[in-house]
């Protein structure tokens, strides 16, 4: 039997393109009750995944050393 009910959810967290998490899920079922149960299960999983994604941080760029003594040679 073909699933009669389908729900697609797309969640985006963060507004900056360097700090944005995007997840998309599609749930299908033969009845509204079955869809409700599946959506609840997916919601729970997506929340756990979102928590995991929040803990992933972009690699921190190497900072330049504060010692800029070599720049004084250019000031002559």
N, C-alpha and C. Protein backbone atom coordinates (compact mmCIF):
# COMPACT_ATOMS: atom_id res chain seq x y z
N UNK A 1 0.84 -1.18 0.00
CA UNK A 1 0.00 0.00 0.00
C UNK A 1 0.89 1.25 0.00
N UNK A 2 0.51 2.23 -0.76
CA UNK A 2 1.24 3.48 -0.82
C UNK A 2 0.90 4.33 0.39
N UNK A 3 1.95 4.97 0.96
CA UNK A 3 1.72 5.84 2.11
C UNK A 3 0.80 6.99 1.71
N UNK A 4 -0.26 7.18 2.49
CA UNK A 4 -1.26 8.21 2.18
C UNK A 4 -0.91 9.56 2.78
N UNK A 5 -0.07 9.57 3.81
CA UNK A 5 0.27 10.81 4.50
C UNK A 5 1.79 10.99 4.53
N UNK A 6 2.21 12.19 4.19
CA UNK A 6 3.63 12.50 4.19
C UNK A 6 3.84 13.87 4.81
N UNK A 7 4.87 13.97 5.64
CA UNK A 7 5.24 15.25 6.24
C UNK A 7 6.73 15.45 6.03
N UNK A 8 7.10 16.62 5.51
CA UNK A 8 8.50 16.97 5.34
C UNK A 8 8.81 18.16 6.24
N UNK A 9 9.86 18.02 7.04
CA UNK A 9 10.26 19.08 7.96
C UNK A 9 11.70 19.46 7.64
N UNK A 10 11.94 20.77 7.53
CA UNK A 10 13.30 21.28 7.33
C UNK A 10 13.59 22.28 8.43
N UNK A 11 14.64 22.01 9.19
CA UNK A 11 15.02 22.87 10.30
C UNK A 11 16.36 23.52 10.00
N UNK A 12 16.45 24.81 10.28
CA UNK A 12 17.71 25.54 10.14
C UNK A 12 18.00 26.24 11.45
N UNK A 13 19.21 26.05 11.95
CA UNK A 13 19.64 26.70 13.18
C UNK A 13 20.80 27.61 12.85
N UNK A 14 20.76 28.84 13.36
CA UNK A 14 21.82 29.80 13.11
C UNK A 14 21.50 30.66 11.91
N UNK A 15 21.98 31.89 11.92
CA UNK A 15 21.68 32.80 10.83
C UNK A 15 22.87 33.13 9.98
N UNK A 16 24.05 32.93 10.51
CA UNK A 16 25.29 33.23 9.79
C UNK A 16 25.65 32.04 8.92
N UNK A 17 26.09 32.28 7.69
CA UNK A 17 26.40 31.18 6.80
C UNK A 17 27.55 30.32 7.32
N UNK A 18 28.38 30.86 8.20
CA UNK A 18 29.46 30.07 8.79
C UNK A 18 29.01 29.34 10.04
N UNK A 19 27.80 29.59 10.49
CA UNK A 19 27.30 28.99 11.73
C UNK A 19 25.86 28.53 11.54
N UNK A 20 25.63 27.74 10.50
CA UNK A 20 24.27 27.32 10.19
C UNK A 20 24.22 25.80 10.10
N UNK A 21 23.26 25.23 10.79
CA UNK A 21 23.01 23.79 10.72
C UNK A 21 21.66 23.60 10.05
N UNK A 22 21.60 22.69 9.09
CA UNK A 22 20.35 22.47 8.39
C UNK A 22 20.08 20.97 8.34
N UNK A 23 18.86 20.59 8.72
CA UNK A 23 18.45 19.20 8.68
C UNK A 23 17.10 19.11 7.99
N UNK A 24 16.91 18.02 7.27
CA UNK A 24 15.65 17.81 6.58
C UNK A 24 15.23 16.35 6.79
N UNK A 25 13.96 16.16 7.10
CA UNK A 25 13.43 14.81 7.30
C UNK A 25 12.09 14.68 6.59
N UNK A 26 11.85 13.50 6.05
CA UNK A 26 10.57 13.22 5.40
C UNK A 26 10.01 11.96 6.04
N UNK A 27 8.78 12.04 6.48
CA UNK A 27 8.12 10.92 7.15
C UNK A 27 6.83 10.60 6.41
N UNK A 28 6.62 9.32 6.14
CA UNK A 28 5.40 8.88 5.45
C UNK A 28 4.75 7.77 6.25
N UNK A 29 3.42 7.68 6.14
CA UNK A 29 2.67 6.66 6.86
C UNK A 29 1.34 6.41 6.17
N UNK A 30 0.71 5.31 6.55
CA UNK A 30 -0.59 4.93 5.97
C UNK A 30 -1.75 5.60 6.69
N UNK A 31 -1.53 6.05 7.92
CA UNK A 31 -2.61 6.68 8.67
C UNK A 31 -2.05 7.88 9.44
N UNK A 32 -2.94 8.74 9.88
CA UNK A 32 -2.52 9.92 10.65
C UNK A 32 -1.88 9.48 11.96
N UNK A 33 -2.43 8.47 12.60
CA UNK A 33 -1.87 7.98 13.87
C UNK A 33 -0.45 7.44 13.67
N UNK A 34 -0.26 6.68 12.62
CA UNK A 34 1.07 6.14 12.32
C UNK A 34 2.03 7.29 12.01
N UNK A 35 1.55 8.29 11.26
CA UNK A 35 2.38 9.45 10.94
C UNK A 35 2.78 10.18 12.23
N UNK A 36 1.83 10.36 13.12
CA UNK A 36 2.09 11.03 14.41
C UNK A 36 3.20 10.30 15.18
N UNK A 37 3.11 8.98 15.23
CA UNK A 37 4.11 8.19 15.95
C UNK A 37 5.48 8.31 15.30
N UNK A 38 5.51 8.25 13.97
CA UNK A 38 6.79 8.34 13.26
C UNK A 38 7.39 9.73 13.40
N UNK A 39 6.56 10.76 13.32
CA UNK A 39 7.05 12.13 13.45
C UNK A 39 7.64 12.34 14.84
N UNK A 40 7.00 11.81 15.87
CA UNK A 40 7.52 11.95 17.24
C UNK A 40 8.88 11.27 17.36
N UNK A 41 9.02 10.10 16.75
CA UNK A 41 10.31 9.39 16.79
C UNK A 41 11.39 10.19 16.05
N UNK A 42 11.05 10.72 14.89
CA UNK A 42 12.02 11.51 14.11
C UNK A 42 12.36 12.80 14.85
N UNK A 43 11.38 13.44 15.46
CA UNK A 43 11.62 14.67 16.22
C UNK A 43 12.64 14.43 17.33
N UNK A 44 12.46 13.33 18.03
CA UNK A 44 13.37 12.99 19.12
C UNK A 44 14.79 12.79 18.58
N UNK A 45 14.90 12.06 17.49
CA UNK A 45 16.22 11.84 16.88
C UNK A 45 16.83 13.15 16.38
N UNK A 46 16.02 13.99 15.73
CA UNK A 46 16.53 15.26 15.20
C UNK A 46 17.03 16.15 16.34
N UNK A 47 16.37 16.11 17.47
CA UNK A 47 16.82 16.91 18.60
C UNK A 47 18.20 16.44 19.06
N UNK A 48 18.38 15.12 19.14
CA UNK A 48 19.69 14.59 19.52
C UNK A 48 20.74 14.95 18.49
N UNK A 49 20.40 14.83 17.20
CA UNK A 49 21.35 15.18 16.16
C UNK A 49 21.71 16.66 16.23
N UNK A 50 20.72 17.52 16.45
CA UNK A 50 20.96 18.96 16.54
C UNK A 50 21.91 19.26 17.70
N UNK A 51 21.71 18.58 18.84
CA UNK A 51 22.63 18.76 19.97
C UNK A 51 24.05 18.36 19.58
N UNK A 52 24.16 17.26 18.87
CA UNK A 52 25.49 16.81 18.40
C UNK A 52 26.10 17.83 17.45
N UNK A 53 25.30 18.35 16.51
CA UNK A 53 25.82 19.32 15.54
C UNK A 53 26.28 20.60 16.21
N UNK A 54 25.56 21.04 17.25
CA UNK A 54 25.94 22.25 17.96
C UNK A 54 27.31 22.13 18.60
N UNK A 55 27.69 20.91 18.95
CA UNK A 55 28.98 20.69 19.59
C UNK A 55 30.13 20.62 18.60
N UNK A 56 29.82 20.56 17.33
CA UNK A 56 30.86 20.55 16.30
C UNK A 56 31.22 21.99 15.99
N UNK A 57 32.45 22.35 16.19
CA UNK A 57 32.90 23.71 15.95
C UNK A 57 33.86 23.71 14.77
N UNK A 58 33.80 24.76 13.94
CA UNK A 58 34.76 24.84 12.84
C UNK A 58 36.17 24.87 13.39
N UNK A 59 37.09 24.35 12.61
CA UNK A 59 38.48 24.34 13.04
C UNK A 59 38.95 25.77 13.31
N UNK A 60 39.55 25.97 14.45
CA UNK A 60 40.03 27.30 14.82
C UNK A 60 41.27 27.61 14.00
N UNK A 61 41.28 28.79 13.41
CA UNK A 61 42.45 29.19 12.62
C UNK A 61 43.62 29.50 13.53
N UNK A 62 44.80 29.21 13.05
CA UNK A 62 46.01 29.46 13.80
C UNK A 62 46.19 30.96 13.96
N UNK A 63 46.38 31.40 15.18
CA UNK A 63 46.59 32.82 15.46
C UNK A 63 48.03 33.21 15.17
N UNK A 64 48.23 34.40 14.65
CA UNK A 64 49.58 34.92 14.45
C UNK A 64 50.18 35.27 15.80
N UNK A 65 51.50 35.10 15.94
CA UNK A 65 52.11 35.45 17.21
C UNK A 65 52.04 36.95 17.46
N UNK A 66 51.97 37.34 18.72
CA UNK A 66 51.91 38.75 19.08
C UNK A 66 53.24 39.47 18.82
N UNK A 67 54.31 38.71 18.76
CA UNK A 67 55.63 39.32 18.54
C UNK A 67 55.72 39.84 17.11
N UNK A 68 55.75 41.15 16.97
CA UNK A 68 55.84 41.76 15.66
C UNK A 68 57.11 42.59 15.54
N UNK A 69 58.18 42.16 16.23
CA UNK A 69 59.43 42.91 16.27
C UNK A 69 60.05 43.06 14.89
N UNK A 70 59.80 42.12 14.00
CA UNK A 70 60.37 42.22 12.67
C UNK A 70 59.77 43.36 11.86
N UNK A 71 58.62 43.86 12.24
CA UNK A 71 57.99 44.96 11.52
C UNK A 71 58.78 46.26 11.67
N UNK A 72 59.54 46.42 12.76
CA UNK A 72 60.30 47.66 12.97
C UNK A 72 61.31 47.91 11.89
N UNK A 73 61.79 46.86 11.22
CA UNK A 73 62.75 47.03 10.15
C UNK A 73 62.13 47.78 8.96
N UNK A 74 60.84 47.67 8.80
CA UNK A 74 60.14 48.33 7.70
C UNK A 74 59.90 49.81 7.96
N UNK A 75 60.05 50.27 9.18
CA UNK A 75 59.73 51.65 9.55
C UNK A 75 60.89 52.61 9.31
N UNK A 76 61.98 52.22 8.73
CA UNK A 76 63.16 53.08 8.55
C UNK A 76 62.96 54.23 7.66
